[in-house]
Each structure stands twice: as structure tokens, then as C-alpha cells.
Amino acid sequence: AGGLICTLGGPQANPALTLALLCTRKLS
């Protein structure tokens, strides 16, 4: 997870995090 953040720039790679971002209107 740490390596992916550093290399790919912050993918969620996790539907729970994507849903949290969606609920807080940080994603369309």
C-alpha cells in the first residue's frame, strides 16, 4: 500500500475508500 502510494500517486485500490471519497464529494 505504501509503495503504491509512492509510485502511482495515491490510488485508493479499495472500494471502501472510494465510497468514503464519494460520500464526501471528493469524487464524482
PDB file of all heavy atoms in Angstrom:
ATOM      1  N   ALA A   1       0.841  -1.204   0.000  1.00  0.00           N
ATOM      2  CA  ALA A   1       0.000   0.000   0.000  1.00  0.00           C
ATOM      3  C   ALA A   1       0.874   1.251   0.000  1.00  0.00           C
ATOM      4  O   ALA A   1       0.637   2.185  -0.771  1.00  0.00           O
ATOM      5  CB  ALA A   1      -0.941   0.009   1.197  1.00  0.00           C
ATOM      6  N   GLY A   2       1.886   1.264   0.859  1.00  0.00           N
ATOM      7  CA  GLY A   2       2.806   2.398   0.894  1.00  0.00           C
ATOM      8  C   GLY A   2       3.546   2.574  -0.417  1.00  0.00           C
ATOM      9  O   GLY A   2       3.698   3.688  -0.922  1.00  0.00           O
ATOM     10  N   GLY A   3       3.989   1.468  -0.990  1.00  0.00           N
ATOM     11  CA  GLY A   3       4.686   1.530  -2.270  1.00  0.00           C
ATOM     12  C   GLY A   3       3.800   2.030  -3.399  1.00  0.00           C
ATOM     13  O   GLY A   3       4.244   2.814  -4.251  1.00  0.00           O
ATOM     14  N   LEU A   4       2.555   1.609  -3.424  1.00  0.00           N
ATOM     15  CA  LEU A   4       1.631   2.060  -4.470  1.00  0.00           C
ATOM     16  C   LEU A   4       1.350   3.556  -4.360  1.00  0.00           C
ATOM     17  O   LEU A   4       1.240   4.241  -5.371  1.00  0.00           O
ATOM     18  CB  LEU A   4       0.325   1.257  -4.419  1.00  0.00           C
ATOM     19  CG  LEU A   4       0.430  -0.191  -4.888  1.00  0.00           C
ATOM     20  CD1 LEU A   4      -0.849  -0.953  -4.559  1.00  0.00           C
ATOM     21  CD2 LEU A   4       0.743  -0.262  -6.376  1.00  0.00           C
ATOM     22  N   ILE A   5       1.237   4.048  -3.132  1.00  0.00           N
ATOM     23  CA  ILE A   5       1.017   5.483  -2.941  1.00  0.00           C
ATOM     24  C   ILE A   5       2.209   6.258  -3.492  1.00  0.00           C
ATOM     25  O   ILE A   5       2.057   7.258  -4.182  1.00  0.00           O
ATOM     26  CB  ILE A   5       0.805   5.811  -1.444  1.00  0.00           C
ATOM     27  CG1 ILE A   5      -0.445   5.145  -0.897  1.00  0.00           C
ATOM     28  CG2 ILE A   5       0.777   7.318  -1.199  1.00  0.00           C
ATOM     29  CD1 ILE A   5      -1.739   5.598  -1.486  1.00  0.00           C
ATOM     30  N   CYS A   6       3.411   5.784  -3.186  1.00  0.00           N
ATOM     31  CA  CYS A   6       4.623   6.490  -3.618  1.00  0.00           C
ATOM     32  C   CYS A   6       4.845   6.408  -5.119  1.00  0.00           C
ATOM     33  O   CYS A   6       5.325   7.357  -5.725  1.00  0.00           O
ATOM     34  CB  CYS A   6       5.849   5.940  -2.884  1.00  0.00           C
ATOM     35  SG  CYS A   6       5.858   6.343  -1.126  1.00  0.00           S
ATOM     36  N   THR A   7       4.494   5.284  -5.738  1.00  0.00           N
ATOM     37  CA  THR A   7       4.779   5.115  -7.159  1.00  0.00           C
ATOM     38  C   THR A   7       3.647   5.552  -8.076  1.00  0.00           C
ATOM     39  O   THR A   7       3.899   6.102  -9.147  1.00  0.00           O
ATOM     40  CB  THR A   7       5.130   3.656  -7.489  1.00  0.00           C
ATOM     41  OG1 THR A   7       4.060   2.804  -7.064  1.00  0.00           O
ATOM     42  CG2 THR A   7       6.415   3.239  -6.804  1.00  0.00           C
ATOM     43  N   LEU A   8       2.408   5.311  -7.668  1.00  0.00           N
ATOM     44  CA  LEU A   8       1.288   5.627  -8.547  1.00  0.00           C
ATOM     45  C   LEU A   8       0.546   6.897  -8.148  1.00  0.00           C
ATOM     46  O   LEU A   8      -0.416   7.275  -8.799  1.00  0.00           O
ATOM     47  CB  LEU A   8       0.312   4.441  -8.608  1.00  0.00           C
ATOM     48  CG  LEU A   8       0.886   3.150  -9.195  1.00  0.00           C
ATOM     49  CD1 LEU A   8      -0.163   2.048  -9.174  1.00  0.00           C
ATOM     50  CD2 LEU A   8       1.390   3.377 -10.611  1.00  0.00           C
ATOM     51  N   GLY A   9       0.940   7.506  -7.056  1.00  0.00           N
ATOM     52  CA  GLY A   9       0.381   8.794  -6.698  1.00  0.00           C
ATOM     53  C   GLY A   9      -0.939   8.786  -5.976  1.00  0.00           C
ATOM     54  O   GLY A   9      -1.677   9.765  -6.002  1.00  0.00           O
ATOM     55  N   GLY A  10      -1.284   7.712  -5.333  1.00  0.00           N
ATOM     56  CA  GLY A  10      -2.455   7.748  -4.470  1.00  0.00           C
ATOM     57  C   GLY A  10      -3.704   7.086  -4.989  1.00  0.00           C
ATOM     58  O   GLY A  10      -4.797   7.616  -4.798  1.00  0.00           O
ATOM     59  N   PRO A  11      -3.617   5.903  -5.615  1.00  0.00           N
ATOM     60  CA  PRO A  11      -4.868   5.205  -5.932  1.00  0.00           C
ATOM     61  C   PRO A  11      -5.499   4.690  -4.657  1.00  0.00           C
ATOM     62  O   PRO A  11      -4.810   4.417  -3.681  1.00  0.00           O
ATOM     63  CB  PRO A  11      -4.394   4.034  -6.813  1.00  0.00           C
ATOM     64  CG  PRO A  11      -3.001   3.783  -6.364  1.00  0.00           C
ATOM     65  CD  PRO A  11      -2.443   5.138  -5.985  1.00  0.00           C
ATOM     66  N   GLN A  12      -6.833   4.564  -4.656  1.00  0.00           N
ATOM     67  CA  GLN A  12      -7.497   4.032  -3.475  1.00  0.00           C
ATOM     68  C   GLN A  12      -7.295   2.519  -3.404  1.00  0.00           C
ATOM     69  O   GLN A  12      -7.065   1.980  -2.341  1.00  0.00           O
ATOM     70  CB  GLN A  12      -8.999   4.332  -3.484  1.00  0.00           C
ATOM     71  CG  GLN A  12      -9.356   5.778  -3.287  1.00  0.00           C
ATOM     72  CD  GLN A  12      -9.504   6.492  -4.622  1.00  0.00           C
ATOM     73  OE1 GLN A  12     -10.173   5.990  -5.514  1.00  0.00           O
ATOM     74  NE2 GLN A  12      -8.898   7.639  -4.755  1.00  0.00           N
ATOM     75  N   ALA A  13      -7.438   1.820  -4.524  1.00  0.00           N
ATOM     76  CA  ALA A  13      -7.321   0.355  -4.594  1.00  0.00           C
ATOM     77  C   ALA A  13      -8.219  -0.315  -3.557  1.00  0.00           C
ATOM     78  O   ALA A  13      -7.921  -1.405  -3.089  1.00  0.00           O
ATOM     79  CB  ALA A  13      -5.858  -0.087  -4.445  1.00  0.00           C
ATOM     80  N   ASN A  14      -9.319   0.353  -3.193  1.00  0.00           N
ATOM     81  CA  ASN A  14     -10.187  -0.129  -2.126  1.00  0.00           C
ATOM     82  C   ASN A  14     -11.562   0.519  -2.276  1.00  0.00           C
ATOM     83  O   ASN A  14     -11.694   1.728  -2.111  1.00  0.00           O
ATOM     84  CB  ASN A  14      -9.566   0.242  -0.770  1.00  0.00           C
ATOM     85  CG  ASN A  14     -10.329  -0.282   0.410  1.00  0.00           C
ATOM     86  OD1 ASN A  14     -11.526  -0.527   0.350  1.00  0.00           O
ATOM     87  ND2 ASN A  14      -9.631  -0.436   1.516  1.00  0.00           N
ATOM     88  N   PRO A  15     -12.605  -0.276  -2.591  1.00  0.00           N
ATOM     89  CA  PRO A  15     -13.941   0.309  -2.734  1.00  0.00           C
ATOM     90  C   PRO A  15     -14.445   1.037  -1.488  1.00  0.00           C
ATOM     91  O   PRO A  15     -15.215   1.987  -1.606  1.00  0.00           O
ATOM     92  CB  PRO A  15     -14.821  -0.902  -3.050  1.00  0.00           C
ATOM     93  CG  PRO A  15     -13.894  -1.874  -3.688  1.00  0.00           C
ATOM     94  CD  PRO A  15     -12.581  -1.692  -2.966  1.00  0.00           C
ATOM     95  N   ALA A  16     -14.016   0.620  -0.303  1.00  0.00           N
ATOM     96  CA  ALA A  16     -14.457   1.313   0.920  1.00  0.00           C
ATOM     97  C   ALA A  16     -13.924   2.741   0.944  1.00  0.00           C
ATOM     98  O   ALA A  16     -14.647   3.678   1.304  1.00  0.00           O
ATOM     99  CB  ALA A  16     -13.998   0.552   2.160  1.00  0.00           C
ATOM    100  N   LEU A  17     -12.661   2.922   0.553  1.00  0.00           N
ATOM    101  CA  LEU A  17     -12.101   4.276   0.494  1.00  0.00           C
ATOM    102  C   LEU A  17     -12.728   5.083  -0.635  1.00  0.00           C
ATOM    103  O   LEU A  17     -12.983   6.282  -0.476  1.00  0.00           O
ATOM    104  CB  LEU A  17     -10.583   4.219   0.319  1.00  0.00           C
ATOM    105  CG  LEU A  17      -9.796   3.621   1.474  1.00  0.00           C
ATOM    106  CD1 LEU A  17      -8.310   3.644   1.181  1.00  0.00           C
ATOM    107  CD2 LEU A  17     -10.101   4.332   2.776  1.00  0.00           C
ATOM    108  N   THR A  18     -12.980   4.442  -1.753  1.00  0.00           N
ATOM    109  CA  THR A  18     -13.634   5.141  -2.868  1.00  0.00           C
ATOM    110  C   THR A  18     -15.029   5.599  -2.461  1.00  0.00           C
ATOM    111  O   THR A  18     -15.426   6.728  -2.757  1.00  0.00           O
ATOM    112  CB  THR A  18     -13.702   4.227  -4.108  1.00  0.00           C
ATOM    113  OG1 THR A  18     -12.374   3.835  -4.461  1.00  0.00           O
ATOM    114  CG2 THR A  18     -14.346   4.927  -5.288  1.00  0.00           C
ATOM    115  N   LEU A  19     -15.766   4.745  -1.754  1.00  0.00           N
ATOM    116  CA  LEU A  19     -17.095   5.121  -1.282  1.00  0.00           C
ATOM    117  C   LEU A  19     -17.014   6.278  -0.293  1.00  0.00           C
ATOM    118  O   LEU A  19     -17.839   7.197  -0.333  1.00  0.00           O
ATOM    119  CB  LEU A  19     -17.787   3.918  -0.646  1.00  0.00           C
ATOM    120  CG  LEU A  19     -19.204   4.143  -0.144  1.00  0.00           C
ATOM    121  CD1 LEU A  19     -20.125   4.555  -1.283  1.00  0.00           C
ATOM    122  CD2 LEU A  19     -19.738   2.882   0.529  1.00  0.00           C
ATOM    123  N   ALA A  20     -16.018   6.261   0.580  1.00  0.00           N
ATOM    124  CA  ALA A  20     -15.844   7.368   1.535  1.00  0.00           C
ATOM    125  C   ALA A  20     -15.568   8.677   0.792  1.00  0.00           C
ATOM    126  O   ALA A  20     -16.124   9.725   1.141  1.00  0.00           O
ATOM    127  CB  ALA A  20     -14.705   7.063   2.501  1.00  0.00           C
ATOM    128  N   LEU A  21     -14.741   8.627  -0.237  1.00  0.00           N
ATOM    129  CA  LEU A  21     -14.464   9.823  -1.034  1.00  0.00           C
ATOM    130  C   LEU A  21     -15.701  10.277  -1.801  1.00  0.00           C
ATOM    131  O   LEU A  21     -15.931  11.474  -1.960  1.00  0.00           O
ATOM    132  CB  LEU A  21     -13.311   9.561  -2.003  1.00  0.00           C
ATOM    133  CG  LEU A  21     -11.938   9.402  -1.371  1.00  0.00           C
ATOM    134  CD1 LEU A  21     -10.922   8.921  -2.410  1.00  0.00           C
ATOM    135  CD2 LEU A  21     -11.468  10.706  -0.755  1.00  0.00           C
ATOM    136  N   LEU A  22     -16.491   9.336  -2.265  1.00  0.00           N
ATOM    137  CA  LEU A  22     -17.729   9.655  -2.973  1.00  0.00           C
ATOM    138  C   LEU A  22     -18.733  10.317  -2.035  1.00  0.00           C
ATOM    139  O   LEU A  22     -19.356  11.326  -2.384  1.00  0.00           O
ATOM    140  CB  LEU A  22     -18.304   8.370  -3.569  1.00  0.00           C
ATOM    141  CG  LEU A  22     -19.463   8.475  -4.526  1.00  0.00           C
ATOM    142  CD1 LEU A  22     -19.102   9.327  -5.728  1.00  0.00           C
ATOM    143  CD2 LEU A  22     -19.885   7.087  -4.977  1.00  0.00           C
ATOM    144  N   CYS A  23     -18.857   9.784  -0.832  1.00  0.00           N
ATOM    145  CA  CYS A  23     -19.807  10.343   0.149  1.00  0.00           C
ATOM    146  C   CYS A  23     -19.413  11.747   0.610  1.00  0.00           C
ATOM    147  O   CYS A  23     -20.274  12.540   0.988  1.00  0.00           O
ATOM    148  CB  CYS A  23     -19.930   9.424   1.356  1.00  0.00           C
ATOM    149  SG  CYS A  23     -20.811   7.897   1.006  1.00  0.00           S
ATOM    150  N   THR A  24     -18.142  12.042   0.596  1.00  0.00           N
ATOM    151  CA  THR A  24     -17.673  13.371   0.997  1.00  0.00           C
ATOM    152  C   THR A  24     -17.477  14.296  -0.201  1.00  0.00           C
ATOM    153  O   THR A  24     -16.882  15.363  -0.067  1.00  0.00           O
ATOM    154  CB  THR A  24     -16.355  13.267   1.793  1.00  0.00           C
ATOM    155  OG1 THR A  24     -15.383  12.587   1.002  1.00  0.00           O
ATOM    156  CG2 THR A  24     -16.569  12.548   3.110  1.00  0.00           C
ATOM    157  N   ARG A  25     -17.957  13.861  -1.352  1.00  0.00           N
ATOM    158  CA  ARG A  25     -17.945  14.646  -2.595  1.00  0.00           C
ATOM    159  C   ARG A  25     -16.540  15.015  -3.071  1.00  0.00           C
ATOM    160  O   ARG A  25     -16.321  16.051  -3.675  1.00  0.00           O
ATOM    161  CB  ARG A  25     -18.815  15.886  -2.458  1.00  0.00           C
ATOM    162  CG  ARG A  25     -20.259  15.539  -2.219  1.00  0.00           C
ATOM    163  CD  ARG A  25     -21.105  16.751  -2.186  1.00  0.00           C
ATOM    164  NE  ARG A  25     -22.485  16.337  -1.935  1.00  0.00           N
ATOM    165  CZ  ARG A  25     -23.460  17.178  -1.802  1.00  0.00           C
ATOM    166  NH1 ARG A  25     -23.254  18.465  -1.882  1.00  0.00           N
ATOM    167  NH2 ARG A  25     -24.671  16.744  -1.584  1.00  0.00           N
ATOM    168  N   LYS A  26     -15.594  14.144  -2.793  1.00  0.00           N
ATOM    169  CA  LYS A  26     -14.239  14.346  -3.285  1.00  0.00           C
ATOM    170  C   LYS A  26     -14.042  13.630  -4.621  1.00  0.00           C
ATOM    171  O   LYS A  26     -13.026  13.804  -5.275  1.00  0.00           O
ATOM    172  CB  LYS A  26     -13.221  13.883  -2.259  1.00  0.00           C
ATOM    173  CG  LYS A  26     -13.350  14.609  -0.939  1.00  0.00           C
ATOM    174  CD  LYS A  26     -12.043  14.723  -0.232  1.00  0.00           C
ATOM    175  CE  LYS A  26     -12.192  15.390   1.117  1.00  0.00           C
ATOM    176  NZ  LYS A  26     -12.427  16.800   1.071  1.00  0.00           N
ATOM    177  N   LEU A  27     -15.023  12.815  -5.012  1.00  0.00           N
ATOM    178  CA  LEU A  27     -15.044  12.130  -6.305  1.00  0.00           C
ATOM    179  C   LEU A  27     -16.419  12.314  -6.930  1.00  0.00           C
ATOM    180  O   LEU A  27     -17.420  12.361  -6.219  1.00  0.00           O
ATOM    181  CB  LEU A  27     -14.829  10.623  -6.129  1.00  0.00           C
ATOM    182  CG  LEU A  27     -13.451  10.064  -5.905  1.00  0.00           C
ATOM    183  CD1 LEU A  27     -13.528   8.547  -5.776  1.00  0.00           C
ATOM    184  CD2 LEU A  27     -12.509  10.431  -7.014  1.00  0.00           C
ATOM    185  N   SER A  28     -16.464  12.363  -8.250  1.00  0.00           N
ATOM    186  CA  SER A  28     -17.756  12.396  -8.938  1.00  0.00           C
ATOM    187  C   SER A  28     -18.368  10.998  -8.898  1.00  0.00           C
ATOM    188  O   SER A  28     -17.659   9.997  -8.705  1.00  0.00           O
ATOM    189  CB  SER A  28     -17.570  12.835 -10.389  1.00  0.00           C
ATOM    190  OG  SER A  28     -16.904  11.825 -11.135  1.00  0.00           O
TER     191      SER A  28
END
